[in-house]
């Protein structure tokens, strides 16, 4: 689930932001805050990890402070700042304050929805990559947990490929089986055993 926090004090603007995010979209968790203190309290909650923060234009000075503190709190948080009047200087100021992107409030809710599409795609890709990483880690730990037994076999196989003489191969094989607390090697349908004491010992 992708967690959203929407900070806005104006009820009408909040409705527009909620419509832009899409309250009916599956896989989204949406919380709201009406001011600086409430927003920072939610962002500091260890039980909830937000991935997208939308700061409404109705908060004005508080909105700028929310962007600054939120950016300092988490570099992974996507922060969208809503501007009451778009201009290049306002855009640059918002980015300097920690926003990832901006949208003008006269373009709500469609402008917000458009800005969120690449963010949601990136978050979904990151989620898939994290799942692949967790699977790779589980596989690696499973392999390592069995290396106590399989490591001996793999070590023998690696060394055996470079053997040029039967005697060397026999010694490698004996070294391997001795690690399993065995003393010799019996060949199928043979009455003899190969061991350190010598070849062709009685079975």
N, C-alpha and C. Protein backbone atom coordinates (compact mmCIF):
# COMPACT_ATOMS: atom_id res chain seq x y z
N UNK A 1 0.84 -1.19 0.00
CA UNK A 1 0.00 0.00 0.00
C UNK A 1 0.88 1.25 0.00
N UNK A 2 0.57 2.19 -0.88
CA UNK A 2 1.29 3.46 -0.93
C UNK A 2 0.59 4.45 0.00
N UNK A 3 1.35 5.02 0.94
CA UNK A 3 0.78 5.90 1.96
C UNK A 3 0.94 7.37 1.55
N UNK A 4 -0.17 8.10 1.58
CA UNK A 4 -0.22 9.53 1.28
C UNK A 4 -0.52 10.31 2.55
N UNK A 5 0.12 11.48 2.67
CA UNK A 5 -0.29 12.46 3.67
C UNK A 5 -0.59 13.76 2.93
N UNK A 6 -1.80 14.25 3.11
CA UNK A 6 -2.22 15.50 2.47
C UNK A 6 -2.38 16.55 3.55
N UNK A 7 -1.59 17.62 3.45
CA UNK A 7 -1.65 18.71 4.42
C UNK A 7 -2.36 19.90 3.79
N UNK A 8 -3.53 20.24 4.31
CA UNK A 8 -4.32 21.36 3.78
C UNK A 8 -5.34 21.78 4.83
N UNK A 9 -5.48 23.11 5.00
CA UNK A 9 -6.41 23.63 5.99
C UNK A 9 -7.75 24.04 5.39
N UNK A 10 -7.77 24.33 4.10
CA UNK A 10 -9.00 24.77 3.43
C UNK A 10 -9.80 23.54 3.00
N UNK A 11 -11.04 23.38 3.48
CA UNK A 11 -11.83 22.18 3.13
C UNK A 11 -12.06 22.01 1.64
N UNK A 12 -12.30 23.12 0.93
CA UNK A 12 -12.54 23.03 -0.51
C UNK A 12 -11.29 22.56 -1.26
N UNK A 13 -10.15 23.13 -0.89
CA UNK A 13 -8.89 22.72 -1.52
C UNK A 13 -8.55 21.27 -1.15
N UNK A 14 -8.89 20.89 0.07
CA UNK A 14 -8.64 19.51 0.50
C UNK A 14 -9.44 18.53 -0.35
N UNK A 15 -10.70 18.88 -0.63
CA UNK A 15 -11.52 18.03 -1.49
C UNK A 15 -10.90 17.90 -2.88
N UNK A 16 -10.38 19.00 -3.41
CA UNK A 16 -9.76 18.98 -4.72
C UNK A 16 -8.51 18.10 -4.72
N UNK A 17 -7.74 18.18 -3.63
CA UNK A 17 -6.53 17.34 -3.51
C UNK A 17 -6.89 15.86 -3.41
N UNK A 18 -7.92 15.56 -2.63
CA UNK A 18 -8.36 14.17 -2.49
C UNK A 18 -8.84 13.62 -3.83
N UNK A 19 -9.54 14.45 -4.60
CA UNK A 19 -9.98 14.02 -5.92
C UNK A 19 -8.79 13.79 -6.85
N UNK A 20 -7.77 14.63 -6.71
CA UNK A 20 -6.57 14.47 -7.54
C UNK A 20 -5.79 13.21 -7.21
N UNK A 21 -5.76 12.87 -5.92
CA UNK A 21 -5.07 11.64 -5.51
C UNK A 21 -5.89 10.43 -5.91
N UNK A 22 -7.21 10.53 -5.77
CA UNK A 22 -8.09 9.41 -6.14
C UNK A 22 -8.39 8.55 -4.93
N UNK A 23 -9.44 8.90 -4.22
CA UNK A 23 -9.78 8.19 -2.98
C UNK A 23 -10.30 6.78 -3.25
N UNK A 24 -10.74 6.52 -4.49
CA UNK A 24 -11.27 5.19 -4.79
C UNK A 24 -10.20 4.23 -5.33
N UNK A 25 -8.98 4.74 -5.46
CA UNK A 25 -7.91 3.91 -6.01
C UNK A 25 -7.48 2.86 -5.00
N UNK A 26 -7.43 1.61 -5.45
CA UNK A 26 -6.99 0.53 -4.56
C UNK A 26 -5.49 0.63 -4.33
N UNK A 27 -5.07 0.20 -3.17
CA UNK A 27 -3.65 0.19 -2.84
C UNK A 27 -3.11 1.49 -2.31
N UNK A 28 -4.01 2.46 -2.01
CA UNK A 28 -3.57 3.74 -1.46
C UNK A 28 -4.09 3.89 -0.03
N UNK A 29 -3.24 4.43 0.82
CA UNK A 29 -3.65 4.79 2.17
C UNK A 29 -3.48 6.28 2.32
N UNK A 30 -4.55 7.00 2.65
CA UNK A 30 -4.52 8.46 2.65
C UNK A 30 -4.87 9.00 4.04
N UNK A 31 -3.96 9.84 4.58
CA UNK A 31 -4.21 10.57 5.82
C UNK A 31 -4.14 12.06 5.53
N UNK A 32 -4.76 12.84 6.40
CA UNK A 32 -4.76 14.29 6.20
C UNK A 32 -4.27 15.00 7.45
N UNK A 33 -3.79 16.22 7.26
CA UNK A 33 -3.37 17.08 8.37
C UNK A 33 -3.79 18.50 8.02
N UNK A 34 -4.19 19.26 9.03
CA UNK A 34 -4.70 20.61 8.78
C UNK A 34 -3.69 21.70 9.12
N UNK A 35 -2.52 21.32 9.62
CA UNK A 35 -1.54 22.33 9.98
C UNK A 35 -0.16 21.72 10.17
N UNK A 36 0.81 22.60 10.50
CA UNK A 36 2.21 22.19 10.64
C UNK A 36 2.40 21.13 11.72
N UNK A 37 1.88 21.40 12.92
CA UNK A 37 2.09 20.48 14.03
C UNK A 37 1.51 19.10 13.76
N UNK A 38 0.29 19.07 13.23
CA UNK A 38 -0.36 17.79 12.95
C UNK A 38 0.38 17.03 11.85
N UNK A 39 0.84 17.76 10.83
CA UNK A 39 1.57 17.12 9.73
C UNK A 39 2.87 16.50 10.25
N UNK A 40 3.62 17.24 11.04
CA UNK A 40 4.89 16.71 11.54
C UNK A 40 4.68 15.57 12.53
N UNK A 41 3.58 15.65 13.28
CA UNK A 41 3.27 14.54 14.20
C UNK A 41 3.01 13.26 13.42
N UNK A 42 2.28 13.36 12.33
CA UNK A 42 2.00 12.18 11.50
C UNK A 42 3.27 11.67 10.83
N UNK A 43 4.08 12.59 10.30
CA UNK A 43 5.30 12.18 9.61
C UNK A 43 6.31 11.55 10.57
N UNK A 44 6.24 11.90 11.84
CA UNK A 44 7.18 11.36 12.83
C UNK A 44 6.68 10.08 13.46
N UNK A 45 5.49 9.64 13.09
CA UNK A 45 4.91 8.42 13.66
C UNK A 45 5.69 7.21 13.13
N UNK A 46 6.32 6.46 14.04
CA UNK A 46 7.14 5.32 13.64
C UNK A 46 6.30 4.17 13.08
N UNK A 47 5.02 4.15 13.40
CA UNK A 47 4.15 3.06 12.93
C UNK A 47 3.67 3.25 11.50
N UNK A 48 3.84 4.45 10.95
CA UNK A 48 3.36 4.73 9.60
C UNK A 48 4.48 5.35 8.77
N UNK A 49 4.74 4.78 7.61
CA UNK A 49 5.75 5.33 6.70
C UNK A 49 5.05 5.90 5.47
N UNK A 50 5.11 7.21 5.34
CA UNK A 50 4.49 7.88 4.19
C UNK A 50 5.49 7.93 3.03
N UNK A 51 4.95 7.78 1.83
CA UNK A 51 5.80 7.83 0.63
C UNK A 51 5.54 9.07 -0.20
N UNK A 52 4.35 9.66 -0.06
CA UNK A 52 4.01 10.88 -0.81
C UNK A 52 3.38 11.89 0.14
N UNK A 53 3.89 13.11 0.10
CA UNK A 53 3.33 14.21 0.88
C UNK A 53 2.85 15.28 -0.08
N UNK A 54 1.58 15.67 0.04
CA UNK A 54 1.02 16.75 -0.78
C UNK A 54 0.74 17.93 0.15
N UNK A 55 1.37 19.05 -0.11
CA UNK A 55 1.23 20.24 0.74
C UNK A 55 0.38 21.25 -0.01
N UNK A 56 -0.82 21.54 0.52
CA UNK A 56 -1.76 22.43 -0.14
C UNK A 56 -1.38 23.90 -0.04
N UNK A 57 -1.96 24.68 -0.95
CA UNK A 57 -1.64 26.11 -1.00
C UNK A 57 -2.31 26.89 0.12
N UNK A 58 -3.33 26.32 0.76
CA UNK A 58 -4.02 27.04 1.83
C UNK A 58 -3.19 27.22 3.08
N UNK A 59 -2.10 26.46 3.22
CA UNK A 59 -1.28 26.55 4.43
C UNK A 59 -0.25 27.68 4.36
N UNK A 60 0.03 28.18 3.18
CA UNK A 60 0.94 29.30 2.95
C UNK A 60 2.29 29.12 3.68
N UNK A 61 2.59 29.96 4.66
CA UNK A 61 3.88 29.88 5.35
C UNK A 61 4.11 28.55 6.04
N UNK A 62 3.06 28.00 6.63
CA UNK A 62 3.18 26.70 7.28
C UNK A 62 3.51 25.62 6.25
N UNK A 63 2.98 25.75 5.05
CA UNK A 63 3.26 24.78 4.00
C UNK A 63 4.73 24.74 3.64
N UNK A 64 5.34 25.92 3.57
CA UNK A 64 6.78 26.00 3.28
C UNK A 64 7.58 25.32 4.37
N UNK A 65 7.19 25.54 5.62
CA UNK A 65 7.89 24.93 6.74
C UNK A 65 7.70 23.41 6.77
N UNK A 66 6.52 22.96 6.39
CA UNK A 66 6.27 21.51 6.30
C UNK A 66 7.20 20.88 5.27
N UNK A 67 7.34 21.54 4.12
CA UNK A 67 8.25 21.02 3.08
C UNK A 67 9.67 20.91 3.61
N UNK A 68 10.14 21.95 4.27
CA UNK A 68 11.51 21.96 4.78
C UNK A 68 11.74 20.85 5.80
N UNK A 69 10.83 20.76 6.76
CA UNK A 69 11.01 19.75 7.82
C UNK A 69 10.83 18.34 7.29
N UNK A 70 9.86 18.16 6.40
CA UNK A 70 9.61 16.83 5.84
C UNK A 70 10.81 16.36 5.02
N UNK A 71 11.40 17.27 4.23
CA UNK A 71 12.56 16.92 3.43
C UNK A 71 13.75 16.55 4.32
N UNK A 72 13.90 17.28 5.43
CA UNK A 72 14.99 16.97 6.37
C UNK A 72 14.74 15.63 7.08
N UNK A 73 13.46 15.29 7.25
CA UNK A 73 13.09 14.07 7.96
C UNK A 73 13.33 12.83 7.12
N UNK A 74 13.05 12.91 5.81
CA UNK A 74 13.18 11.75 4.94
C UNK A 74 13.51 12.17 3.52
N UNK A 75 14.62 11.68 3.01
CA UNK A 75 15.02 12.00 1.64
C UNK A 75 14.25 11.15 0.63
N UNK A 76 13.58 10.07 1.09
CA UNK A 76 12.83 9.20 0.19
C UNK A 76 11.39 9.66 -0.02
N UNK A 77 10.96 10.65 0.73
CA UNK A 77 9.59 11.13 0.65
C UNK A 77 9.41 12.01 -0.60
N UNK A 78 8.39 11.70 -1.40
CA UNK A 78 8.06 12.55 -2.55
C UNK A 78 7.13 13.67 -2.05
N UNK A 79 7.58 14.91 -2.23
CA UNK A 79 6.83 16.06 -1.72
C UNK A 79 6.31 16.88 -2.90
N UNK A 80 4.99 16.99 -2.98
CA UNK A 80 4.35 17.81 -4.02
C UNK A 80 3.78 19.07 -3.37
N UNK A 81 4.24 20.21 -3.81
CA UNK A 81 3.78 21.49 -3.25
C UNK A 81 2.78 22.11 -4.21
N UNK A 82 1.63 22.50 -3.68
CA UNK A 82 0.60 23.17 -4.48
C UNK A 82 0.80 24.68 -4.34
N UNK A 83 0.92 25.37 -5.48
CA UNK A 83 1.13 26.82 -5.49
C UNK A 83 -0.18 27.53 -5.78
N UNK A 84 -0.46 28.62 -5.04
CA UNK A 84 -1.71 29.35 -5.29
C UNK A 84 -1.64 30.13 -6.61
N UNK A 85 -0.46 30.60 -6.97
CA UNK A 85 -0.26 31.25 -8.27
C UNK A 85 1.09 30.77 -8.80
N UNK A 86 1.04 30.07 -9.92
CA UNK A 86 2.29 29.53 -10.45
C UNK A 86 3.16 30.62 -11.07
N UNK A 87 4.46 30.55 -10.78
CA UNK A 87 5.45 31.40 -11.43
C UNK A 87 6.79 30.68 -11.32
N UNK A 88 7.72 31.04 -12.18
CA UNK A 88 9.04 30.40 -12.14
C UNK A 88 9.74 30.61 -10.80
N UNK A 89 9.74 31.86 -10.25
CA UNK A 89 10.38 32.05 -8.95
C UNK A 89 9.73 31.20 -7.85
N UNK A 90 8.39 31.12 -7.86
CA UNK A 90 7.71 30.31 -6.85
C UNK A 90 8.06 28.83 -7.00
N UNK A 91 8.18 28.39 -8.24
CA UNK A 91 8.57 27.01 -8.52
C UNK A 91 9.97 26.74 -7.95
N UNK A 92 10.92 27.62 -8.24
CA UNK A 92 12.29 27.45 -7.75
C UNK A 92 12.34 27.50 -6.23
N UNK A 93 11.56 28.39 -5.63
CA UNK A 93 11.54 28.49 -4.16
C UNK A 93 11.03 27.20 -3.54
N UNK A 94 9.98 26.62 -4.14
CA UNK A 94 9.41 25.37 -3.61
C UNK A 94 10.43 24.24 -3.68
N UNK A 95 11.16 24.15 -4.80
CA UNK A 95 12.19 23.11 -4.92
C UNK A 95 13.31 23.34 -3.91
N UNK A 96 13.66 24.60 -3.70
CA UNK A 96 14.71 24.92 -2.72
C UNK A 96 14.26 24.57 -1.30
N UNK A 97 12.96 24.64 -1.05
CA UNK A 97 12.43 24.31 0.28
C UNK A 97 12.29 22.80 0.50
N UNK A 98 12.55 22.00 -0.53
CA UNK A 98 12.50 20.55 -0.35
C UNK A 98 11.45 19.83 -1.16
N UNK A 99 10.60 20.58 -1.90
CA UNK A 99 9.57 19.92 -2.71
C UNK A 99 10.21 19.18 -3.88
N UNK A 100 9.60 18.05 -4.25
CA UNK A 100 10.07 17.29 -5.42
C UNK A 100 9.48 17.85 -6.70
N UNK A 101 8.28 18.38 -6.62
CA UNK A 101 7.59 18.93 -7.79
C UNK A 101 6.49 19.85 -7.30
N UNK A 102 5.91 20.62 -8.23
CA UNK A 102 4.84 21.56 -7.87
C UNK A 102 3.68 21.39 -8.84
N UNK A 103 2.53 21.88 -8.41
CA UNK A 103 1.35 21.95 -9.27
C UNK A 103 0.57 23.20 -8.84
N UNK A 104 -0.04 23.86 -9.79
CA UNK A 104 -0.81 25.07 -9.49
C UNK A 104 -2.22 24.69 -9.06
N UNK A 105 -2.77 25.41 -8.06
CA UNK A 105 -4.09 25.04 -7.55
C UNK A 105 -5.20 25.28 -8.57
N UNK A 106 -4.95 26.12 -9.61
CA UNK A 106 -5.97 26.30 -10.63
C UNK A 106 -6.01 25.12 -11.61
N UNK A 107 -5.09 24.16 -11.44
CA UNK A 107 -5.08 22.98 -12.30
C UNK A 107 -5.52 21.73 -11.54
N UNK A 108 -6.08 21.94 -10.36
CA UNK A 108 -6.60 20.80 -9.58
C UNK A 108 -7.98 20.41 -10.09
N UNK A 109 -8.34 19.12 -10.02
CA UNK A 109 -7.52 18.00 -9.54
C UNK A 109 -6.70 17.33 -10.64
N UNK A 110 -6.97 17.67 -11.94
CA UNK A 110 -6.30 16.98 -13.04
C UNK A 110 -4.80 17.13 -13.04
N UNK A 111 -4.31 18.35 -12.72
CA UNK A 111 -2.87 18.58 -12.70
C UNK A 111 -2.16 17.73 -11.66
N UNK A 112 -2.79 17.58 -10.50
CA UNK A 112 -2.20 16.75 -9.45
C UNK A 112 -2.17 15.29 -9.87
N UNK A 113 -3.26 14.84 -10.45
CA UNK A 113 -3.32 13.44 -10.92
C UNK A 113 -2.22 13.16 -11.94
N UNK A 114 -1.99 14.12 -12.84
CA UNK A 114 -0.95 13.95 -13.86
C UNK A 114 0.44 13.92 -13.23
N UNK A 115 0.68 14.78 -12.25
CA UNK A 115 1.99 14.82 -11.58
C UNK A 115 2.24 13.53 -10.77
N UNK A 116 1.17 12.93 -10.27
CA UNK A 116 1.33 11.74 -9.43
C UNK A 116 1.61 10.47 -10.23
N UNK A 117 1.22 10.43 -11.48
CA UNK A 117 1.37 9.20 -12.26
C UNK A 117 2.80 8.69 -12.30
N UNK A 118 3.81 9.51 -12.68
CA UNK A 118 5.19 8.99 -12.69
C UNK A 118 5.70 8.64 -11.30
N UNK A 119 5.23 9.38 -10.28
CA UNK A 119 5.65 9.08 -8.91
C UNK A 119 5.13 7.71 -8.48
N UNK A 120 3.86 7.45 -8.77
CA UNK A 120 3.28 6.15 -8.39
C UNK A 120 3.94 5.01 -9.16
N UNK A 121 4.27 5.24 -10.43
CA UNK A 121 4.97 4.22 -11.21
C UNK A 121 6.34 3.93 -10.63
N UNK A 122 7.05 5.00 -10.23
CA UNK A 122 8.38 4.82 -9.64
C UNK A 122 8.29 4.07 -8.32
N UNK A 123 7.28 4.39 -7.51
CA UNK A 123 7.10 3.71 -6.23
C UNK A 123 6.77 2.24 -6.43
N UNK A 124 5.94 1.94 -7.43
CA UNK A 124 5.60 0.56 -7.72
C UNK A 124 6.82 -0.22 -8.20
N UNK A 125 7.65 0.41 -9.03
CA UNK A 125 8.88 -0.23 -9.49
C UNK A 125 9.82 -0.48 -8.33
N UNK A 126 9.93 0.51 -7.43
CA UNK A 126 10.79 0.34 -6.26
C UNK A 126 10.29 -0.79 -5.38
N UNK A 127 8.97 -0.90 -5.26
CA UNK A 127 8.38 -1.98 -4.47
C UNK A 127 8.72 -3.34 -5.08
N UNK A 128 8.63 -3.44 -6.41
CA UNK A 128 8.96 -4.70 -7.09
C UNK A 128 10.43 -5.05 -6.92
N UNK A 129 11.30 -4.03 -7.05
CA UNK A 129 12.73 -4.27 -6.89
C UNK A 129 13.07 -4.70 -5.47
N UNK A 130 12.41 -4.08 -4.49
CA UNK A 130 12.64 -4.47 -3.09
C UNK A 130 12.20 -5.91 -2.84
N UNK A 131 11.10 -6.31 -3.47
CA UNK A 131 10.62 -7.69 -3.33
C UNK A 131 11.61 -8.66 -3.96
N UNK A 132 12.16 -8.29 -5.13
CA UNK A 132 13.17 -9.13 -5.76
C UNK A 132 14.43 -9.22 -4.91
N UNK A 133 14.80 -8.11 -4.28
CA UNK A 133 15.97 -8.11 -3.41
C UNK A 133 15.74 -9.00 -2.20
N UNK A 134 14.54 -8.91 -1.61
CA UNK A 134 14.23 -9.77 -0.45
C UNK A 134 14.27 -11.24 -0.85
N UNK A 135 13.76 -11.56 -2.05
CA UNK A 135 13.79 -12.95 -2.53
C UNK A 135 15.23 -13.42 -2.72
N UNK A 136 16.07 -12.53 -3.30
CA UNK A 136 17.47 -12.89 -3.51
C UNK A 136 18.18 -13.10 -2.17
N UNK A 137 17.85 -12.28 -1.18
CA UNK A 137 18.46 -12.44 0.14
C UNK A 137 18.03 -13.74 0.80
N UNK A 138 16.72 -14.07 0.66
CA UNK A 138 16.25 -15.34 1.24
C UNK A 138 16.93 -16.52 0.57
N UNK A 139 17.10 -16.43 -0.76
CA UNK A 139 17.76 -17.51 -1.49
C UNK A 139 19.22 -17.63 -1.06
N UNK A 140 19.88 -16.49 -0.91
CA UNK A 140 21.30 -16.51 -0.50
C UNK A 140 21.45 -17.10 0.90
N UNK A 141 20.56 -16.71 1.83
CA UNK A 141 20.65 -17.24 3.19
C UNK A 141 20.35 -18.74 3.22
N UNK A 142 19.41 -19.17 2.37
CA UNK A 142 19.11 -20.60 2.30
C UNK A 142 20.31 -21.37 1.78
N UNK A 143 20.98 -20.80 0.78
CA UNK A 143 22.18 -21.45 0.24
C UNK A 143 23.29 -21.50 1.27
N UNK A 144 23.47 -20.38 1.98
CA UNK A 144 24.55 -20.34 2.98
C UNK A 144 24.28 -21.30 4.13
N UNK A 145 23.00 -21.46 4.48
CA UNK A 145 22.68 -22.36 5.59
C UNK A 145 23.00 -23.81 5.25
N UNK A 146 23.03 -24.15 3.96
CA UNK A 146 23.35 -25.52 3.57
C UNK A 146 24.79 -25.67 3.11
N UNK A 147 25.56 -24.59 3.17
CA UNK A 147 26.93 -24.67 2.68
C UNK A 147 27.82 -25.53 3.55
N UNK A 148 27.43 -25.77 4.81
CA UNK A 148 28.22 -26.64 5.66
C UNK A 148 28.41 -28.00 5.01
N UNK A 149 27.35 -28.51 4.39
CA UNK A 149 27.40 -29.81 3.71
C UNK A 149 27.80 -29.63 2.25
N UNK A 150 27.12 -28.72 1.56
CA UNK A 150 27.36 -28.59 0.13
C UNK A 150 28.71 -27.96 -0.18
N UNK A 151 29.24 -27.14 0.76
CA UNK A 151 30.53 -26.51 0.52
C UNK A 151 31.63 -27.52 0.27
N UNK A 152 31.57 -28.63 0.97
CA UNK A 152 32.58 -29.68 0.79
C UNK A 152 32.49 -30.26 -0.61
N UNK A 153 31.27 -30.51 -1.07
CA UNK A 153 31.06 -31.06 -2.41
C UNK A 153 31.51 -30.07 -3.47
N UNK A 154 31.13 -28.79 -3.30
CA UNK A 154 31.52 -27.78 -4.29
C UNK A 154 33.03 -27.59 -4.34
N UNK A 155 33.67 -27.61 -3.18
CA UNK A 155 35.13 -27.46 -3.15
C UNK A 155 35.81 -28.63 -3.89
N UNK A 156 35.31 -29.84 -3.66
CA UNK A 156 35.87 -31.00 -4.35
C UNK A 156 35.68 -30.88 -5.86
N UNK A 157 34.47 -30.48 -6.28
CA UNK A 157 34.20 -30.37 -7.71
C UNK A 157 35.11 -29.34 -8.37
N UNK A 158 35.30 -28.20 -7.71
CA UNK A 158 36.16 -27.15 -8.28
C UNK A 158 37.58 -27.66 -8.45
N UNK A 159 38.11 -28.34 -7.42
CA UNK A 159 39.50 -28.83 -7.50
C UNK A 159 39.64 -30.00 -8.47
N UNK A 160 38.59 -30.82 -8.58
CA UNK A 160 38.69 -32.02 -9.42
C UNK A 160 38.81 -31.69 -10.90
N UNK A 161 38.29 -30.55 -11.31
CA UNK A 161 38.36 -30.19 -12.73
C UNK A 161 39.78 -29.93 -13.19
N UNK A 162 40.67 -29.60 -12.24
CA UNK A 162 42.06 -29.30 -12.61
C UNK A 162 42.98 -30.50 -12.42
N UNK A 163 42.43 -31.63 -12.00
CA UNK A 163 43.26 -32.82 -11.77
C UNK A 163 43.72 -33.44 -13.09
N UNK A 164 45.01 -33.82 -13.10
CA UNK A 164 45.53 -34.47 -14.29
C UNK A 164 45.90 -35.93 -14.06
N UNK A 165 45.88 -36.36 -12.78
CA UNK A 165 46.31 -37.73 -12.49
C UNK A 165 45.33 -38.37 -11.52
N UNK A 166 45.12 -39.69 -11.69
CA UNK A 166 44.18 -40.42 -10.82
C UNK A 166 44.54 -40.35 -9.34
N UNK A 167 45.84 -40.36 -9.02
CA UNK A 167 46.25 -40.34 -7.62
C UNK A 167 45.83 -39.05 -6.94
N UNK A 168 45.99 -37.93 -7.65
CA UNK A 168 45.60 -36.63 -7.08
C UNK A 168 44.09 -36.58 -6.87
N UNK A 169 43.35 -37.11 -7.86
CA UNK A 169 41.90 -37.14 -7.73
C UNK A 169 41.47 -38.02 -6.56
N UNK A 170 42.16 -39.15 -6.38
CA UNK A 170 41.85 -40.04 -5.25
C UNK A 170 42.08 -39.34 -3.92
N UNK A 171 43.18 -38.60 -3.82
CA UNK A 171 43.46 -37.88 -2.57
C UNK A 171 42.43 -36.78 -2.30
N UNK A 172 42.01 -36.09 -3.37
CA UNK A 172 40.97 -35.08 -3.19
C UNK A 172 39.67 -35.71 -2.70
N UNK A 173 39.36 -36.87 -3.27
CA UNK A 173 38.13 -37.56 -2.89
C UNK A 173 38.21 -38.03 -1.45
N UNK A 174 39.38 -38.53 -1.05
CA UNK A 174 39.55 -38.96 0.34
C UNK A 174 39.46 -37.77 1.30
N UNK A 175 40.04 -36.65 0.93
CA UNK A 175 39.96 -35.45 1.77
C UNK A 175 38.50 -35.04 1.97
N UNK A 176 37.72 -35.15 0.90
CA UNK A 176 36.32 -34.76 0.98
C UNK A 176 35.53 -35.68 1.90
N UNK A 177 35.68 -36.99 1.73
CA UNK A 177 34.88 -37.91 2.55
C UNK A 177 35.32 -37.88 4.00
N UNK A 178 36.61 -37.58 4.25
CA UNK A 178 37.08 -37.50 5.64
C UNK A 178 36.42 -36.34 6.39
N UNK A 179 36.01 -35.33 5.67
CA UNK A 179 35.31 -34.20 6.31
C UNK A 179 33.91 -34.60 6.77
N UNK A 180 33.41 -35.70 6.21
CA UNK A 180 32.13 -36.28 6.67
C UNK A 180 32.36 -37.38 7.69
N UNK A 181 33.61 -37.45 8.23
CA UNK A 181 34.00 -38.49 9.21
C UNK A 181 33.96 -39.89 8.63
N UNK A 182 34.19 -40.02 7.33
CA UNK A 182 34.32 -41.34 6.68
C UNK A 182 35.80 -41.61 6.45
N UNK A 183 36.16 -42.89 6.38
CA UNK A 183 37.57 -43.26 6.31
C UNK A 183 38.00 -43.76 4.94
N UNK A 184 37.06 -44.12 4.08
CA UNK A 184 37.47 -44.65 2.80
C UNK A 184 36.37 -44.55 1.77
N UNK A 185 36.68 -45.05 0.56
CA UNK A 185 35.75 -44.96 -0.56
C UNK A 185 35.53 -46.35 -1.12
N UNK A 186 34.28 -46.76 -1.18
CA UNK A 186 33.96 -48.03 -1.79
C UNK A 186 33.38 -47.82 -3.18
N UNK A 187 33.78 -48.66 -4.12
CA UNK A 187 33.28 -48.56 -5.48
C UNK A 187 32.14 -49.56 -5.64
N UNK A 188 31.08 -49.15 -6.33
CA UNK A 188 29.92 -50.02 -6.51
C UNK A 188 30.33 -51.35 -7.15
N UNK A 189 29.79 -52.44 -6.60
CA UNK A 189 30.04 -53.80 -7.08
C UNK A 189 31.50 -54.19 -6.94
N UNK A 190 32.22 -53.55 -5.98
CA UNK A 190 33.61 -53.92 -5.74
C UNK A 190 33.76 -54.42 -4.30
N UNK A 191 34.71 -55.31 -4.09
CA UNK A 191 34.94 -55.84 -2.74
C UNK A 191 36.10 -55.12 -2.06
N UNK A 192 36.59 -54.06 -2.68
CA UNK A 192 37.73 -53.33 -2.13
C UNK A 192 37.35 -51.89 -1.77
N UNK A 193 38.14 -51.33 -0.85
CA UNK A 193 37.94 -49.97 -0.38
C UNK A 193 39.26 -49.20 -0.52
N UNK A 194 39.15 -47.95 -0.93
CA UNK A 194 40.33 -47.10 -1.02
C UNK A 194 40.37 -46.21 0.23
N UNK A 195 41.55 -46.27 0.93
CA UNK A 195 41.69 -45.48 2.14
C UNK A 195 43.14 -45.05 2.30
N UNK A 196 43.42 -44.25 3.34
CA UNK A 196 44.77 -43.72 3.55
C UNK A 196 45.79 -44.84 3.78
N UNK A 197 45.31 -45.92 4.37
CA UNK A 197 46.24 -47.02 4.68
C UNK A 197 46.75 -47.71 3.42
N UNK A 198 46.11 -47.45 2.27
CA UNK A 198 46.55 -48.04 1.03
C UNK A 198 45.38 -48.42 0.16
N UNK A 199 45.66 -48.72 -1.10
CA UNK A 199 44.62 -49.09 -2.04
C UNK A 199 44.30 -50.58 -1.95
N UNK A 200 43.16 -50.93 -2.46
CA UNK A 200 42.73 -52.33 -2.53
C UNK A 200 42.71 -53.00 -1.17
N UNK A 201 42.30 -52.24 -0.14
CA UNK A 201 42.13 -52.84 1.19
C UNK A 201 40.82 -53.63 1.20
N UNK A 202 40.78 -54.72 1.97
CA UNK A 202 39.51 -55.50 2.04
C UNK A 202 38.36 -54.62 2.54
N UNK A 203 37.19 -54.82 1.99
CA UNK A 203 36.02 -54.02 2.38
C UNK A 203 35.61 -54.40 3.79
